[in-house]
Amino acid sequence: MPAGMTVAHLVDEFVATLHQYGIAVERRAVELEMRDRIADIAERLGTSPETVLRDHAARGWGQKMASGVMAQIRSERLLTPAGPPEEPAAPLAG
């Protein structure tokens, strides 16, 4: 990992990537979420957030996270019906 990898740099990558898709996000909210995720990773690895940033975070990680968010957004939109809800089918008269 390049020296100087920081949460701020990862947030910059994330925010810039979403901006390319025309999505504006609150930087502070992204930073808080990213810090929480890094802390969770550190806990799972039995290390510190600083170590995660130093040894595991690489340039492009913020961009990859943003791309994952975009994939999730697209996926959820595909699951949403495009038109009004369908009416239940009437029972067949017999």
PDB file of N, CA and C in Angstrom:
ATOM      1  N   MET A   1       0.843  -1.174   0.000  1.00  0.00           N
ATOM      2  CA  MET A   1       0.000   0.000   0.000  1.00  0.00           C
ATOM      3  C   MET A   1       0.885   1.233   0.000  1.00  0.00           C
ATOM      4  N   PRO A   2       0.509   2.227  -0.774  1.00  0.00           N
ATOM      5  CA  PRO A   2       1.296   3.451  -0.772  1.00  0.00           C
ATOM      6  C   PRO A   2       1.226   4.122   0.595  1.00  0.00           C
ATOM      7  N   ALA A   3       2.340   4.744   0.986  1.00  0.00           N
ATOM      8  CA  ALA A   3       2.352   5.472   2.255  1.00  0.00           C
ATOM      9  C   ALA A   3       1.333   6.591   2.178  1.00  0.00           C
ATOM     10  N   GLY A   4       0.683   6.852   3.291  1.00  0.00           N
ATOM     11  CA  GLY A   4      -0.252   7.962   3.338  1.00  0.00           C
ATOM     12  C   GLY A   4      -1.688   7.621   2.992  1.00  0.00           C
ATOM     13  N   MET A   5      -2.045   6.321   2.852  1.00  0.00           N
ATOM     14  CA  MET A   5      -3.439   5.965   2.605  1.00  0.00           C
ATOM     15  C   MET A   5      -4.245   6.380   3.822  1.00  0.00           C
ATOM     16  N   THR A   6      -5.284   7.134   3.582  1.00  0.00           N
ATOM     17  CA  THR A   6      -6.088   7.651   4.681  1.00  0.00           C
ATOM     18  C   THR A   6      -7.564   7.437   4.389  1.00  0.00           C
ATOM     19  N   VAL A   7      -8.366   7.574   5.422  1.00  0.00           N
ATOM     20  CA  VAL A   7      -9.812   7.521   5.244  1.00  0.00           C
ATOM     21  C   VAL A   7     -10.230   8.653   4.305  1.00  0.00           C
ATOM     22  N   ALA A   8      -9.627   9.816   4.459  1.00  0.00           N
ATOM     23  CA  ALA A   8      -9.976  10.957   3.600  1.00  0.00           C
ATOM     24  C   ALA A   8      -9.759  10.628   2.126  1.00  0.00           C
ATOM     25  N   HIS A   9      -8.663   9.944   1.819  1.00  0.00           N
ATOM     26  CA  HIS A   9      -8.398   9.581   0.424  1.00  0.00           C
ATOM     27  C   HIS A   9      -9.444   8.583  -0.085  1.00  0.00           C
ATOM     28  N   LEU A  10      -9.775   7.602   0.728  1.00  0.00           N
ATOM     29  CA  LEU A  10     -10.788   6.618   0.336  1.00  0.00           C
ATOM     30  C   LEU A  10     -12.151   7.282   0.135  1.00  0.00           C
ATOM     31  N   VAL A  11     -12.477   8.223   1.015  1.00  0.00           N
ATOM     32  CA  VAL A  11     -13.740   8.961   0.881  1.00  0.00           C
ATOM     33  C   VAL A  11     -13.716   9.774  -0.411  1.00  0.00           C
ATOM     34  N   ASP A  12     -12.590  10.421  -0.703  1.00  0.00           N
ATOM     35  CA  ASP A  12     -12.466  11.181  -1.953  1.00  0.00           C
ATOM     36  C   ASP A  12     -12.756  10.295  -3.154  1.00  0.00           C
ATOM     37  N   GLU A  13     -12.171   9.100  -3.171  1.00  0.00           N
ATOM     38  CA  GLU A  13     -12.393   8.166  -4.279  1.00  0.00           C
ATOM     39  C   GLU A  13     -13.871   7.790  -4.384  1.00  0.00           C
ATOM     40  N   PHE A  14     -14.473   7.493  -3.255  1.00  0.00           N
ATOM     41  CA  PHE A  14     -15.874   7.069  -3.223  1.00  0.00           C
ATOM     42  C   PHE A  14     -16.780   8.181  -3.749  1.00  0.00           C
ATOM     43  N   VAL A  15     -16.619   9.375  -3.198  1.00  0.00           N
ATOM     44  CA  VAL A  15     -17.466  10.510  -3.564  1.00  0.00           C
ATOM     45  C   VAL A  15     -17.261  10.864  -5.046  1.00  0.00           C
ATOM     46  N   ALA A  16     -16.013  10.883  -5.506  1.00  0.00           N
ATOM     47  CA  ALA A  16     -15.728  11.219  -6.898  1.00  0.00           C
ATOM     48  C   ALA A  16     -16.341  10.194  -7.855  1.00  0.00           C
ATOM     49  N   THR A  17     -16.273   8.926  -7.492  1.00  0.00           N
ATOM     50  CA  THR A  17     -16.835   7.883  -8.349  1.00  0.00           C
ATOM     51  C   THR A  17     -18.346   8.030  -8.459  1.00  0.00           C
ATOM     52  N   LEU A  18     -19.019   8.248  -7.336  1.00  0.00           N
ATOM     53  CA  LEU A  18     -20.471   8.434  -7.404  1.00  0.00           C
ATOM     54  C   LEU A  18     -20.823   9.698  -8.177  1.00  0.00           C
ATOM     55  N   HIS A  19     -20.003  10.730  -8.031  1.00  0.00           N
ATOM     56  CA  HIS A  19     -20.237  11.980  -8.762  1.00  0.00           C
ATOM     57  C   HIS A  19     -20.203  11.725 -10.272  1.00  0.00           C
ATOM     58  N   GLN A  20     -19.326  10.828 -10.714  1.00  0.00           N
ATOM     59  CA  GLN A  20     -19.256  10.485 -12.138  1.00  0.00           C
ATOM     60  C   GLN A  20     -20.561   9.891 -12.635  1.00  0.00           C
ATOM     61  N   TYR A  21     -21.307   9.263 -11.743  1.00  0.00           N
ATOM     62  CA  TYR A  21     -22.605   8.687 -12.090  1.00  0.00           C
ATOM     63  C   TYR A  21     -23.748   9.686 -11.869  1.00  0.00           C
ATOM     64  N   GLY A  22     -23.402  10.907 -11.483  1.00  0.00           N
ATOM     65  CA  GLY A  22     -24.417  11.929 -11.255  1.00  0.00           C
ATOM     66  C   GLY A  22     -25.078  11.834  -9.891  1.00  0.00           C
ATOM     67  N   ILE A  23     -24.428  11.179  -8.942  1.00  0.00           N
ATOM     68  CA  ILE A  23     -24.986  11.013  -7.603  1.00  0.00           C
ATOM     69  C   ILE A  23     -24.152  11.814  -6.620  1.00  0.00           C
ATOM     70  N   ALA A  24     -24.812  12.703  -5.900  1.00  0.00           N
ATOM     71  CA  ALA A  24     -24.136  13.491  -4.870  1.00  0.00           C
ATOM     72  C   ALA A  24     -24.454  12.879  -3.511  1.00  0.00           C
ATOM     73  N   VAL A  25     -23.434  12.688  -2.712  1.00  0.00           N
ATOM     74  CA  VAL A  25     -23.612  12.137  -1.375  1.00  0.00           C
ATOM     75  C   VAL A  25     -22.959  13.072  -0.368  1.00  0.00           C
ATOM     76  N   GLU A  26     -23.431  12.995   0.856  1.00  0.00           N
ATOM     77  CA  GLU A  26     -22.873  13.819   1.922  1.00  0.00           C
ATOM     78  C   GLU A  26     -21.542  13.213   2.358  1.00  0.00           C
ATOM     79  N   ARG A  27     -20.495  13.957   2.164  1.00  0.00           N
ATOM     80  CA  ARG A  27     -19.147  13.481   2.450  1.00  0.00           C
ATOM     81  C   ARG A  27     -19.003  13.014   3.899  1.00  0.00           C
ATOM     82  N   ARG A  28     -19.544  13.746   4.827  1.00  0.00           N
ATOM     83  CA  ARG A  28     -19.410  13.396   6.249  1.00  0.00           C
ATOM     84  C   ARG A  28     -20.065  12.041   6.535  1.00  0.00           C
ATOM     85  N   ALA A  29     -21.210  11.787   5.931  1.00  0.00           N
ATOM     86  CA  ALA A  29     -21.893  10.503   6.130  1.00  0.00           C
ATOM     87  C   ALA A  29     -21.053   9.357   5.568  1.00  0.00           C
ATOM     88  N   VAL A  30     -20.451   9.588   4.401  1.00  0.00           N
ATOM     89  CA  VAL A  30     -19.586   8.567   3.799  1.00  0.00           C
ATOM     90  C   VAL A  30     -18.390   8.304   4.703  1.00  0.00           C
ATOM     91  N   GLU A  31     -17.806   9.370   5.221  1.00  0.00           N
ATOM     92  CA  GLU A  31     -16.639   9.215   6.093  1.00  0.00           C
ATOM     93  C   GLU A  31     -16.981   8.416   7.349  1.00  0.00           C
ATOM     94  N   LEU A  32     -18.109   8.724   7.964  1.00  0.00           N
ATOM     95  CA  LEU A  32     -18.509   7.988   9.171  1.00  0.00           C
ATOM     96  C   LEU A  32     -18.741   6.508   8.863  1.00  0.00           C
ATOM     97  N   GLU A  33     -19.418   6.241   7.764  1.00  0.00           N
ATOM     98  CA  GLU A  33     -19.680   4.847   7.372  1.00  0.00           C
ATOM     99  C   GLU A  33     -18.367   4.120   7.075  1.00  0.00           C
ATOM    100  N   MET A  34     -17.464   4.788   6.379  1.00  0.00           N
ATOM    101  CA  MET A  34     -16.197   4.157   6.040  1.00  0.00           C
ATOM    102  C   MET A  34     -15.369   3.881   7.296  1.00  0.00           C
ATOM    103  N   ARG A  35     -15.354   4.819   8.221  1.00  0.00           N
ATOM    104  CA  ARG A  35     -14.626   4.597   9.478  1.00  0.00           C
ATOM    105  C   ARG A  35     -15.210   3.394  10.223  1.00  0.00           C
ATOM    106  N   ASP A  36     -16.543   3.289  10.237  1.00  0.00           N
ATOM    107  CA  ASP A  36     -17.186   2.148  10.898  1.00  0.00           C
ATOM    108  C   ASP A  36     -16.800   0.834  10.219  1.00  0.00           C
ATOM    109  N   ARG A  37     -16.793   0.831   8.899  1.00  0.00           N
ATOM    110  CA  ARG A  37     -16.442  -0.395   8.169  1.00  0.00           C
ATOM    111  C   ARG A  37     -14.991  -0.784   8.402  1.00  0.00           C
ATOM    112  N   ILE A  38     -14.103   0.200   8.409  1.00  0.00           N
ATOM    113  CA  ILE A  38     -12.690  -0.080   8.649  1.00  0.00           C
ATOM    114  C   ILE A  38     -12.492  -0.600  10.069  1.00  0.00           C
ATOM    115  N   ALA A  39     -13.212  -0.018  11.030  1.00  0.00           N
ATOM    116  CA  ALA A  39     -13.130  -0.490  12.417  1.00  0.00           C
ATOM    117  C   ALA A  39     -13.633  -1.928  12.515  1.00  0.00           C
ATOM    118  N   ASP A  40     -14.693  -2.256  11.780  1.00  0.00           N
ATOM    119  CA  ASP A  40     -15.223  -3.620  11.777  1.00  0.00           C
ATOM    120  C   ASP A  40     -14.212  -4.595  11.175  1.00  0.00           C
ATOM    121  N   ILE A  41     -13.599  -4.205  10.079  1.00  0.00           N
ATOM    122  CA  ILE A  41     -12.562  -5.047   9.455  1.00  0.00           C
ATOM    123  C   ILE A  41     -11.416  -5.255  10.438  1.00  0.00           C
ATOM    124  N   ALA A  42     -10.993  -4.175  11.090  1.00  0.00           N
ATOM    125  CA  ALA A  42      -9.891  -4.268  12.056  1.00  0.00           C
ATOM    126  C   ALA A  42     -10.239  -5.233  13.181  1.00  0.00           C
ATOM    127  N   GLU A  43     -11.462  -5.143  13.678  1.00  0.00           N
ATOM    128  CA  GLU A  43     -11.889  -6.030  14.760  1.00  0.00           C
ATOM    129  C   GLU A  43     -11.856  -7.489  14.299  1.00  0.00           C
ATOM    130  N   ARG A  44     -12.342  -7.744  13.108  1.00  0.00           N
ATOM    131  CA  ARG A  44     -12.351  -9.117  12.582  1.00  0.00           C
ATOM    132  C   ARG A  44     -10.937  -9.657  12.394  1.00  0.00           C
ATOM    133  N   LEU A  45     -10.014  -8.759  12.021  1.00  0.00           N
ATOM    134  CA  LEU A  45      -8.624  -9.177  11.820  1.00  0.00           C
ATOM    135  C   LEU A  45      -7.810  -9.157  13.106  1.00  0.00           C
ATOM    136  N   GLY A  46      -8.393  -8.617  14.178  1.00  0.00           N
ATOM    137  CA  GLY A  46      -7.677  -8.528  15.443  1.00  0.00           C
ATOM    138  C   GLY A  46      -6.549  -7.510  15.402  1.00  0.00           C
ATOM    139  N   THR A  47      -6.795  -6.402  14.727  1.00  0.00           N
ATOM    140  CA  THR A  47      -5.775  -5.373  14.578  1.00  0.00           C
ATOM    141  C   THR A  47      -6.415  -3.991  14.734  1.00  0.00           C
ATOM    142  N   SER A  48      -5.711  -2.960  14.376  1.00  0.00           N
ATOM    143  CA  SER A  48      -6.220  -1.594  14.513  1.00  0.00           C
ATOM    144  C   SER A  48      -6.671  -1.049  13.156  1.00  0.00           C
ATOM    145  N   PRO A  49      -7.545  -0.036  13.179  1.00  0.00           N
ATOM    146  CA  PRO A  49      -7.933   0.610  11.920  1.00  0.00           C
ATOM    147  C   PRO A  49      -6.724   1.166  11.157  1.00  0.00           C
ATOM    148  N   GLU A  50      -5.741   1.662  11.887  1.00  0.00           N
ATOM    149  CA  GLU A  50      -4.541   2.202  11.242  1.00  0.00           C
ATOM    150  C   GLU A  50      -3.805   1.106  10.473  1.00  0.00           C
ATOM    151  N   THR A  51      -3.758  -0.092  11.047  1.00  0.00           N
ATOM    152  CA  THR A  51      -3.102  -1.212  10.383  1.00  0.00           C
ATOM    153  C   THR A  51      -3.874  -1.625   9.137  1.00  0.00           C
ATOM    154  N   VAL A  52      -5.200  -1.611   9.228  1.00  0.00           N
ATOM    155  CA  VAL A  52      -6.014  -1.930   8.052  1.00  0.00           C
ATOM    156  C   VAL A  52      -5.694  -0.943   6.936  1.00  0.00           C
ATOM    157  N   LEU A  53      -5.647   0.348   7.274  1.00  0.00           N
ATOM    158  CA  LEU A  53      -5.332   1.356   6.267  1.00  0.00           C
ATOM    159  C   LEU A  53      -3.925   1.165   5.702  1.00  0.00           C
ATOM    160  N   ARG A  54      -2.989   0.857   6.553  1.00  0.00           N
ATOM    161  CA  ARG A  54      -1.594   0.715   6.134  1.00  0.00           C
ATOM    162  C   ARG A  54      -1.359  -0.562   5.326  1.00  0.00           C
ATOM    163  N   ASP A  55      -1.927  -1.686   5.801  1.00  0.00           N
ATOM    164  CA  ASP A  55      -1.583  -2.986   5.223  1.00  0.00           C
ATOM    165  C   ASP A  55      -2.609  -3.563   4.252  1.00  0.00           C
ATOM    166  N   HIS A  56      -3.837  -3.076   4.284  1.00  0.00           N
ATOM    167  CA  HIS A  56      -4.881  -3.713   3.485  1.00  0.00           C
ATOM    168  C   HIS A  56      -5.596  -2.783   2.512  1.00  0.00           C
ATOM    169  N   ALA A  57      -5.658  -1.498   2.828  1.00  0.00           N
ATOM    170  CA  ALA A  57      -6.341  -0.559   1.936  1.00  0.00           C
ATOM    171  C   ALA A  57      -5.390  -0.171   0.815  1.00  0.00           C
ATOM    172  N   ALA A  58      -5.893  -0.174  -0.384  1.00  0.00           N
ATOM    173  CA  ALA A  58      -5.073   0.189  -1.543  1.00  0.00           C
ATOM    174  C   ALA A  58      -5.792   1.272  -2.331  1.00  0.00           C
ATOM    175  N   ARG A  59      -5.046   1.966  -3.131  1.00  0.00           N
ATOM    176  CA  ARG A  59      -5.664   2.957  -4.009  1.00  0.00           C
ATOM    177  C   ARG A  59      -6.721   2.251  -4.843  1.00  0.00           C
ATOM    178  N   GLY A  60      -7.838   2.910  -4.991  1.00  0.00           N
ATOM    179  CA  GLY A  60      -8.936   2.326  -5.746  1.00  0.00           C
ATOM    180  C   GLY A  60      -9.968   1.626  -4.879  1.00  0.00           C
ATOM    181  N   TRP A  61      -9.662   1.445  -3.592  1.00  0.00           N
ATOM    182  CA  TRP A  61     -10.612   0.757  -2.703  1.00  0.00           C
ATOM    183  C   TRP A  61     -11.897   1.561  -2.573  1.00  0.00           C
ATOM    184  N   GLY A  62     -11.791   2.874  -2.427  1.00  0.00           N
ATOM    185  CA  GLY A  62     -12.979   3.730  -2.343  1.00  0.00           C
ATOM    186  C   GLY A  62     -13.790   3.669  -3.623  1.00  0.00           C
ATOM    187  N   GLN A  63     -13.096   3.634  -4.752  1.00  0.00           N
ATOM    188  CA  GLN A  63     -13.753   3.534  -6.041  1.00  0.00           C
ATOM    189  C   GLN A  63     -14.483   2.196  -6.172  1.00  0.00           C
ATOM    190  N   LYS A  64     -13.851   1.117  -5.719  1.00  0.00           N
ATOM    191  CA  LYS A  64     -14.490  -0.204  -5.773  1.00  0.00           C
ATOM    192  C   LYS A  64     -15.743  -0.240  -4.896  1.00  0.00           C
ATOM    193  N   MET A  65     -15.668   0.389  -3.726  1.00  0.00           N
ATOM    194  CA  MET A  65     -16.847   0.430  -2.850  1.00  0.00           C
ATOM    195  C   MET A  65     -17.982   1.191  -3.523  1.00  0.00           C
ATOM    196  N   ALA A  66     -17.662   2.316  -4.160  1.00  0.00           N
ATOM    197  CA  ALA A  66     -18.683   3.106  -4.851  1.00  0.00           C
ATOM    198  C   ALA A  66     -19.285   2.313  -6.008  1.00  0.00           C
ATOM    199  N   SER A  67     -18.460   1.575  -6.719  1.00  0.00           N
ATOM    200  CA  SER A  67     -18.967   0.745  -7.816  1.00  0.00           C
ATOM    201  C   SER A  67     -19.911  -0.332  -7.286  1.00  0.00           C
ATOM    202  N   GLY A  68     -19.598  -0.869  -6.114  1.00  0.00           N
ATOM    203  CA  GLY A  68     -20.490  -1.839  -5.477  1.00  0.00           C
ATOM    204  C   GLY A  68     -21.824  -1.222  -5.108  1.00  0.00           C
ATOM    205  N   VAL A  69     -21.793   0.007  -4.641  1.00  0.00           N
ATOM    206  CA  VAL A  69     -23.029   0.723  -4.313  1.00  0.00           C
ATOM    207  C   VAL A  69     -23.848   0.930  -5.583  1.00  0.00           C
ATOM    208  N   MET A  70     -23.178   1.313  -6.679  1.00  0.00           N
ATOM    209  CA  MET A  70     -23.892   1.502  -7.943  1.00  0.00           C
ATOM    210  C   MET A  70     -24.533   0.203  -8.416  1.00  0.00           C
ATOM    211  N   ALA A  71     -23.834  -0.891  -8.282  1.00  0.00           N
ATOM    212  CA  ALA A  71     -24.390  -2.190  -8.675  1.00  0.00           C
ATOM    213  C   ALA A  71     -25.616  -2.521  -7.829  1.00  0.00           C
ATOM    214  N   GLN A  72     -25.534  -2.213  -6.542  1.00  0.00           N
ATOM    215  CA  GLN A  72     -26.673  -2.467  -5.657  1.00  0.00           C
ATOM    216  C   GLN A  72     -27.865  -1.594  -6.050  1.00  0.00           C
ATOM    217  N   ILE A  73     -27.614  -0.339  -6.345  1.00  0.00           N
ATOM    218  CA  ILE A  73     -28.696   0.562  -6.758  1.00  0.00           C
ATOM    219  C   ILE A  73     -29.344   0.047  -8.038  1.00  0.00           C
ATOM    220  N   ARG A  74     -28.528  -0.321  -8.999  1.00  0.00           N
ATOM    221  CA  ARG A  74     -29.063  -0.845 -10.263  1.00  0.00           C
ATOM    222  C   ARG A  74     -29.874  -2.111 -10.030  1.00  0.00           C
ATOM    223  N   SER A  75     -29.373  -2.989  -9.200  1.00  0.00           N
ATOM    224  CA  SER A  75     -30.049  -4.243  -8.910  1.00  0.00           C
ATOM    225  C   SER A  75     -31.417  -3.991  -8.288  1.00  0.00           C
ATOM    226  N   GLU A  76     -31.456  -3.090  -7.342  1.00  0.00           N
ATOM    227  CA  GLU A  76     -32.723  -2.799  -6.674  1.00  0.00           C
ATOM    228  C   GLU A  76     -33.709  -2.147  -7.629  1.00  0.00           C
ATOM    229  N   ARG A  77     -33.233  -1.315  -8.519  1.00  0.00           N
ATOM    230  CA  ARG A  77     -34.127  -0.692  -9.500  1.00  0.00           C
ATOM    231  C   ARG A  77     -34.688  -1.730 -10.455  1.00  0.00           C
ATOM    232  N   LEU A  78     -33.891  -2.744 -10.773  1.00  0.00           N
ATOM    233  CA  LEU A  78     -34.381  -3.787 -11.661  1.00  0.00           C
ATOM    234  C   LEU A  78     -35.490  -4.595 -10.997  1.00  0.00           C
ATOM    235  N   LEU A  79     -35.471  -4.641  -9.674  1.00  0.00           N
ATOM    236  CA  LEU A  79     -36.486  -5.406  -8.960  1.00  0.00           C
ATOM    237  C   LEU A  79     -37.757  -4.607  -8.728  1.00  0.00           C
ATOM    238  N   THR A  80     -37.710  -3.305  -8.952  1.00  0.00           N
ATOM    239  CA  THR A  80     -38.872  -2.451  -8.737  1.00  0.00           C
ATOM    240  C   THR A  80     -39.722  -2.443  -9.999  1.00  0.00           C
ATOM    241  N   PRO A  81     -41.024  -2.698  -9.871  1.00  0.00           N
ATOM    242  CA  PRO A  81     -41.875  -2.673 -11.061  1.00  0.00           C
ATOM    243  C   PRO A  81     -41.853  -1.295 -11.710  1.00  0.00           C
ATOM    244  N   ALA A  82     -41.866  -1.265 -13.044  1.00  0.00           N
ATOM    245  CA  ALA A  82     -41.808   0.000 -13.773  1.00  0.00           C
ATOM    246  C   ALA A  82     -43.152   0.706 -13.786  1.00  0.00           C
ATOM    247  N   GLY A  83     -44.230  -0.025 -13.716  1.00  0.00           N
ATOM    248  CA  GLY A  83     -45.562   0.573 -13.805  1.00  0.00           C
ATOM    249  C   GLY A  83     -46.308   0.486 -12.495  1.00  0.00           C
ATOM    250  N   PRO A  84     -47.605   0.781 -12.554  1.00  0.00           N
ATOM    251  CA  PRO A  84     -48.413   0.680 -11.334  1.00  0.00           C
ATOM    252  C   PRO A  84     -48.512  -0.765 -10.882  1.00  0.00           C
ATOM    253  N   PRO A  85     -48.784  -0.968  -9.592  1.00  0.00           N
ATOM    254  CA  PRO A  85     -48.911  -2.357  -9.110  1.00  0.00           C
ATOM    255  C   PRO A  85     -50.008  -3.093  -9.848  1.00  0.00           C
ATOM    256  N   GLU A  86     -49.757  -4.357 -10.062  1.00  0.00           N
ATOM    257  CA  GLU A  86     -50.752  -5.172 -10.760  1.00  0.00           C
ATOM    258  C   GLU A  86     -51.921  -5.484  -9.854  1.00  0.00           C
ATOM    259  N   GLU A  87     -53.108  -5.511 -10.454  1.00  0.00           N
ATOM    260  CA  GLU A  87     -54.318  -5.894  -9.708  1.00  0.00           C
ATOM    261  C   GLU A  87     -54.329  -7.406  -9.593  1.00  0.00           C
ATOM    262  N   PRO A  88     -54.800  -7.927  -8.448  1.00  0.00           N
ATOM    263  CA  PRO A  88     -54.889  -9.388  -8.351  1.00  0.00           C
ATOM    264  C   PRO A  88     -55.848  -9.929  -9.411  1.00  0.00           C
ATOM    265  N   ALA A  89     -55.549 -11.076  -9.935  1.00  0.00           N
ATOM    266  CA  ALA A  89     -56.395 -11.689 -10.969  1.00  0.00           C
ATOM    267  C   ALA A  89     -57.740 -12.080 -10.358  1.00  0.00           C
ATOM    268  N   ALA A  90     -58.774 -11.825 -11.111  1.00  0.00           N
ATOM    269  CA  ALA A  90     -60.123 -12.198 -10.666  1.00  0.00           C
ATOM    270  C   ALA A  90     -60.272 -13.709 -10.768  1.00  0.00           C
ATOM    271  N   PRO A  91     -60.992 -14.314  -9.805  1.00  0.00           N
ATOM    272  CA  PRO A  91     -61.185 -15.768  -9.881  1.00  0.00           C
ATOM    273  C   PRO A  91     -61.968 -16.130 -11.145  1.00  0.00           C
ATOM    274  N   LEU A  92     -61.643 -17.281 -11.702  1.00  0.00           N
ATOM    275  CA  LEU A  92     -62.338 -17.734 -12.895  1.00  0.00           C
ATOM    276  C   LEU A  92     -63.739 -18.183 -12.537  1.00  0.00           C
ATOM    277  N   ALA A  93     -64.695 -17.744 -13.354  1.00  0.00           N
ATOM    278  CA  ALA A  93     -66.082 -18.172 -13.127  1.00  0.00           C
ATOM    279  C   ALA A  93     -66.236 -19.579 -13.715  1.00  0.00           C
ATOM    280  N   GLY A  94     -66.881 -20.409 -13.010  1.00  0.00           N
ATOM    281  CA  GLY A  94     -66.895 -21.752 -13.523  1.00  0.00           C
ATOM    282  C   GLY A  94     -68.137 -22.405 -13.441  1.00  0.00           C
TER     283      GLY A  94
END
